[in-house]
N, C-alpha and C. Protein backbone atom coordinates (compact mmCIF):
# COMPACT_ATOMS: atom_id res chain seq x y z
N UNK A 1 0.84 -1.18 0.00
CA UNK A 1 0.00 0.00 0.00
C UNK A 1 0.89 1.24 0.00
N UNK A 2 0.54 2.23 -0.78
CA UNK A 2 1.27 3.49 -0.89
C UNK A 2 2.69 3.31 -1.41
N UNK A 3 2.94 2.28 -2.20
CA UNK A 3 4.28 2.06 -2.73
C UNK A 3 4.71 3.15 -3.70
N UNK A 4 3.75 3.85 -4.30
CA UNK A 4 4.09 4.88 -5.28
C UNK A 4 4.26 6.28 -4.66
N UNK A 5 4.15 6.37 -3.33
CA UNK A 5 4.34 7.65 -2.64
C UNK A 5 5.73 7.64 -2.01
N UNK A 6 6.57 8.64 -2.30
CA UNK A 6 7.96 8.61 -1.85
C UNK A 6 8.17 9.03 -0.39
N UNK A 7 7.24 8.65 0.50
CA UNK A 7 7.40 8.91 1.93
C UNK A 7 6.92 7.69 2.69
N UNK A 8 7.38 7.54 3.93
CA UNK A 8 6.91 6.44 4.76
C UNK A 8 5.50 6.74 5.26
N UNK A 9 4.62 5.74 5.20
CA UNK A 9 3.26 5.85 5.69
C UNK A 9 3.00 4.63 6.55
N UNK A 10 2.48 4.82 7.75
CA UNK A 10 2.18 3.67 8.58
C UNK A 10 1.88 4.05 10.01
N UNK A 11 1.50 3.05 10.81
CA UNK A 11 1.15 3.28 12.21
C UNK A 11 2.33 3.79 13.02
N UNK A 12 3.54 3.47 12.59
CA UNK A 12 4.72 3.93 13.32
C UNK A 12 4.75 5.45 13.40
N UNK A 13 4.10 6.13 12.47
CA UNK A 13 4.09 7.60 12.43
C UNK A 13 2.83 8.19 13.07
N UNK A 14 1.96 7.37 13.64
CA UNK A 14 0.72 7.86 14.24
C UNK A 14 1.02 8.86 15.35
N UNK A 15 0.31 9.97 15.34
CA UNK A 15 0.48 10.98 16.36
C UNK A 15 1.55 12.01 16.05
N UNK A 16 2.33 11.80 15.01
CA UNK A 16 3.35 12.78 14.65
C UNK A 16 2.69 14.00 14.01
N UNK A 17 3.30 15.14 14.19
CA UNK A 17 2.77 16.38 13.63
C UNK A 17 3.62 16.82 12.44
N UNK A 18 2.94 17.40 11.48
CA UNK A 18 3.64 17.99 10.34
C UNK A 18 3.74 19.48 10.62
N UNK A 19 4.94 19.97 10.68
CA UNK A 19 5.18 21.38 10.99
C UNK A 19 4.95 22.25 9.76
N UNK A 20 4.55 23.49 10.00
CA UNK A 20 4.22 24.42 8.91
C UNK A 20 5.37 24.56 7.92
N UNK A 21 6.60 24.63 8.39
CA UNK A 21 7.74 24.78 7.49
C UNK A 21 8.00 23.54 6.64
N UNK A 22 7.40 22.40 7.02
CA UNK A 22 7.56 21.16 6.26
C UNK A 22 6.49 21.00 5.17
N UNK A 23 5.48 21.89 5.15
CA UNK A 23 4.42 21.82 4.15
C UNK A 23 4.89 22.43 2.83
N UNK A 24 4.44 21.85 1.73
CA UNK A 24 4.66 22.49 0.43
C UNK A 24 3.60 23.56 0.23
N UNK A 25 2.32 23.18 0.41
CA UNK A 25 1.19 24.12 0.41
C UNK A 25 0.22 23.67 1.49
N UNK A 26 -0.68 24.54 1.89
CA UNK A 26 -1.71 24.19 2.86
C UNK A 26 -3.06 24.24 2.16
N UNK A 27 -3.81 23.14 2.23
CA UNK A 27 -5.11 23.04 1.56
C UNK A 27 -6.23 23.07 2.59
N UNK A 28 -7.02 24.14 2.57
CA UNK A 28 -8.18 24.23 3.44
C UNK A 28 -7.85 24.29 4.92
N UNK A 29 -6.78 24.94 5.29
CA UNK A 29 -6.37 25.04 6.69
C UNK A 29 -7.28 25.94 7.51
N UNK A 30 -6.92 26.14 8.79
CA UNK A 30 -7.78 26.90 9.70
C UNK A 30 -7.98 28.37 9.31
N UNK A 31 -7.06 28.94 8.55
CA UNK A 31 -7.20 30.34 8.14
C UNK A 31 -7.98 30.50 6.84
N UNK A 32 -8.36 29.41 6.20
CA UNK A 32 -9.09 29.43 4.93
C UNK A 32 -10.58 29.25 5.22
N UNK A 33 -11.40 30.20 4.78
CA UNK A 33 -12.85 30.08 5.03
C UNK A 33 -13.54 29.23 3.98
N UNK A 34 -12.94 29.10 2.80
CA UNK A 34 -13.57 28.35 1.71
C UNK A 34 -13.04 26.91 1.71
N UNK A 35 -13.74 26.02 2.42
CA UNK A 35 -13.38 24.60 2.44
C UNK A 35 -14.62 23.78 2.77
N UNK A 36 -14.70 22.59 2.17
CA UNK A 36 -15.83 21.71 2.45
C UNK A 36 -15.53 20.29 2.03
N UNK A 37 -16.28 19.37 2.61
CA UNK A 37 -16.34 17.98 2.17
C UNK A 37 -17.82 17.64 2.08
N UNK A 38 -18.23 17.03 0.97
CA UNK A 38 -19.63 16.66 0.77
C UNK A 38 -19.69 15.27 0.15
N UNK A 39 -20.48 14.39 0.76
CA UNK A 39 -20.68 13.04 0.23
C UNK A 39 -22.13 12.93 -0.21
N UNK A 40 -22.35 12.54 -1.48
CA UNK A 40 -23.70 12.38 -2.02
C UNK A 40 -23.92 10.92 -2.40
N UNK A 41 -25.11 10.44 -2.13
CA UNK A 41 -25.50 9.09 -2.55
C UNK A 41 -26.17 9.22 -3.91
N UNK A 42 -25.69 8.47 -4.88
CA UNK A 42 -26.22 8.51 -6.24
C UNK A 42 -26.69 7.11 -6.64
N UNK A 43 -27.60 7.06 -7.61
CA UNK A 43 -28.00 5.77 -8.19
C UNK A 43 -26.77 5.16 -8.86
N UNK A 44 -26.59 3.86 -8.76
CA UNK A 44 -25.39 3.21 -9.31
C UNK A 44 -25.11 3.55 -10.77
N UNK A 45 -26.15 3.72 -11.58
CA UNK A 45 -25.92 4.00 -13.00
C UNK A 45 -25.40 5.42 -13.25
N UNK A 46 -25.44 6.27 -12.23
CA UNK A 46 -24.93 7.63 -12.35
C UNK A 46 -23.50 7.78 -11.82
N UNK A 47 -22.93 6.68 -11.33
CA UNK A 47 -21.60 6.72 -10.73
C UNK A 47 -20.60 6.02 -11.64
N UNK A 48 -19.47 6.66 -11.87
CA UNK A 48 -18.37 6.06 -12.64
C UNK A 48 -17.33 5.58 -11.64
N UNK A 49 -17.34 4.29 -11.34
CA UNK A 49 -16.46 3.71 -10.32
C UNK A 49 -15.00 4.01 -10.62
N UNK A 50 -14.31 4.55 -9.64
CA UNK A 50 -12.89 4.83 -9.78
C UNK A 50 -12.55 6.13 -10.47
N UNK A 51 -13.56 6.86 -10.94
CA UNK A 51 -13.30 8.12 -11.65
C UNK A 51 -12.92 9.22 -10.65
N UNK A 52 -11.91 9.98 -10.99
CA UNK A 52 -11.48 11.11 -10.18
C UNK A 52 -11.37 12.33 -11.09
N UNK A 53 -12.01 13.42 -10.70
CA UNK A 53 -11.93 14.67 -11.45
C UNK A 53 -11.31 15.73 -10.56
N UNK A 54 -10.26 16.35 -11.02
CA UNK A 54 -9.60 17.41 -10.27
C UNK A 54 -9.84 18.73 -10.99
N UNK A 55 -10.37 19.70 -10.26
CA UNK A 55 -10.63 21.03 -10.82
C UNK A 55 -9.70 22.01 -10.10
N UNK A 56 -8.90 22.71 -10.86
CA UNK A 56 -7.97 23.65 -10.27
C UNK A 56 -6.54 23.28 -10.62
N UNK A 57 -5.59 24.03 -10.07
CA UNK A 57 -4.19 23.80 -10.43
C UNK A 57 -3.65 22.50 -9.84
N UNK A 58 -2.67 21.94 -10.52
CA UNK A 58 -1.94 20.80 -9.99
C UNK A 58 -1.06 21.28 -8.84
N UNK A 59 -0.81 20.44 -7.87
CA UNK A 59 0.00 20.86 -6.72
C UNK A 59 1.35 21.38 -7.16
N UNK A 60 1.94 20.79 -8.18
CA UNK A 60 3.25 21.24 -8.64
C UNK A 60 3.19 22.65 -9.25
N UNK A 61 2.00 23.12 -9.61
CA UNK A 61 1.84 24.46 -10.17
C UNK A 61 1.49 25.51 -9.11
N UNK A 62 1.30 25.07 -7.87
CA UNK A 62 0.94 26.00 -6.79
C UNK A 62 2.20 26.67 -6.23
N UNK A 63 2.00 27.84 -5.65
CA UNK A 63 3.10 28.59 -5.06
C UNK A 63 3.45 27.97 -3.70
N UNK A 64 4.71 27.57 -3.49
CA UNK A 64 5.10 26.98 -2.21
C UNK A 64 4.79 27.90 -1.03
N UNK A 65 4.39 27.28 0.09
CA UNK A 65 4.10 27.95 1.36
C UNK A 65 2.82 28.79 1.33
N UNK A 66 2.04 28.72 0.26
CA UNK A 66 0.78 29.47 0.17
C UNK A 66 -0.37 28.61 0.67
N UNK A 67 -1.45 29.26 1.10
CA UNK A 67 -2.66 28.58 1.55
C UNK A 67 -3.71 28.63 0.45
N UNK A 68 -4.40 27.50 0.23
CA UNK A 68 -5.40 27.41 -0.84
C UNK A 68 -6.71 26.86 -0.30
N UNK A 69 -7.85 27.30 -0.85
CA UNK A 69 -9.14 26.70 -0.49
C UNK A 69 -9.21 25.27 -1.02
N UNK A 70 -10.08 24.47 -0.42
CA UNK A 70 -10.20 23.06 -0.82
C UNK A 70 -11.65 22.61 -0.71
N UNK A 71 -12.14 21.95 -1.74
CA UNK A 71 -13.45 21.33 -1.71
C UNK A 71 -13.33 19.89 -2.17
N UNK A 72 -13.99 18.98 -1.45
CA UNK A 72 -13.98 17.56 -1.80
C UNK A 72 -15.43 17.11 -1.96
N UNK A 73 -15.77 16.59 -3.13
CA UNK A 73 -17.11 16.06 -3.41
C UNK A 73 -16.96 14.59 -3.74
N UNK A 74 -17.63 13.74 -2.98
CA UNK A 74 -17.60 12.30 -3.21
C UNK A 74 -19.00 11.84 -3.55
N UNK A 75 -19.12 11.13 -4.69
CA UNK A 75 -20.43 10.60 -5.09
C UNK A 75 -20.34 9.09 -5.13
């Protein structure tokens, strides 16, 4: 699991904090008023299993150390 992510992920890191200076960007943090998560139940024929749509800039195109709004919609 997570073999394609170039960082260690696991229970050994549970409880550790990520410091502000270690962030590349901050998505929907406490100072950002525009953030949400919404889960909608849809009829199966209206859902494309495994489909992911990203709207907005790619993380690599964002300005380092900047804060950005974040919205997550799951259907």
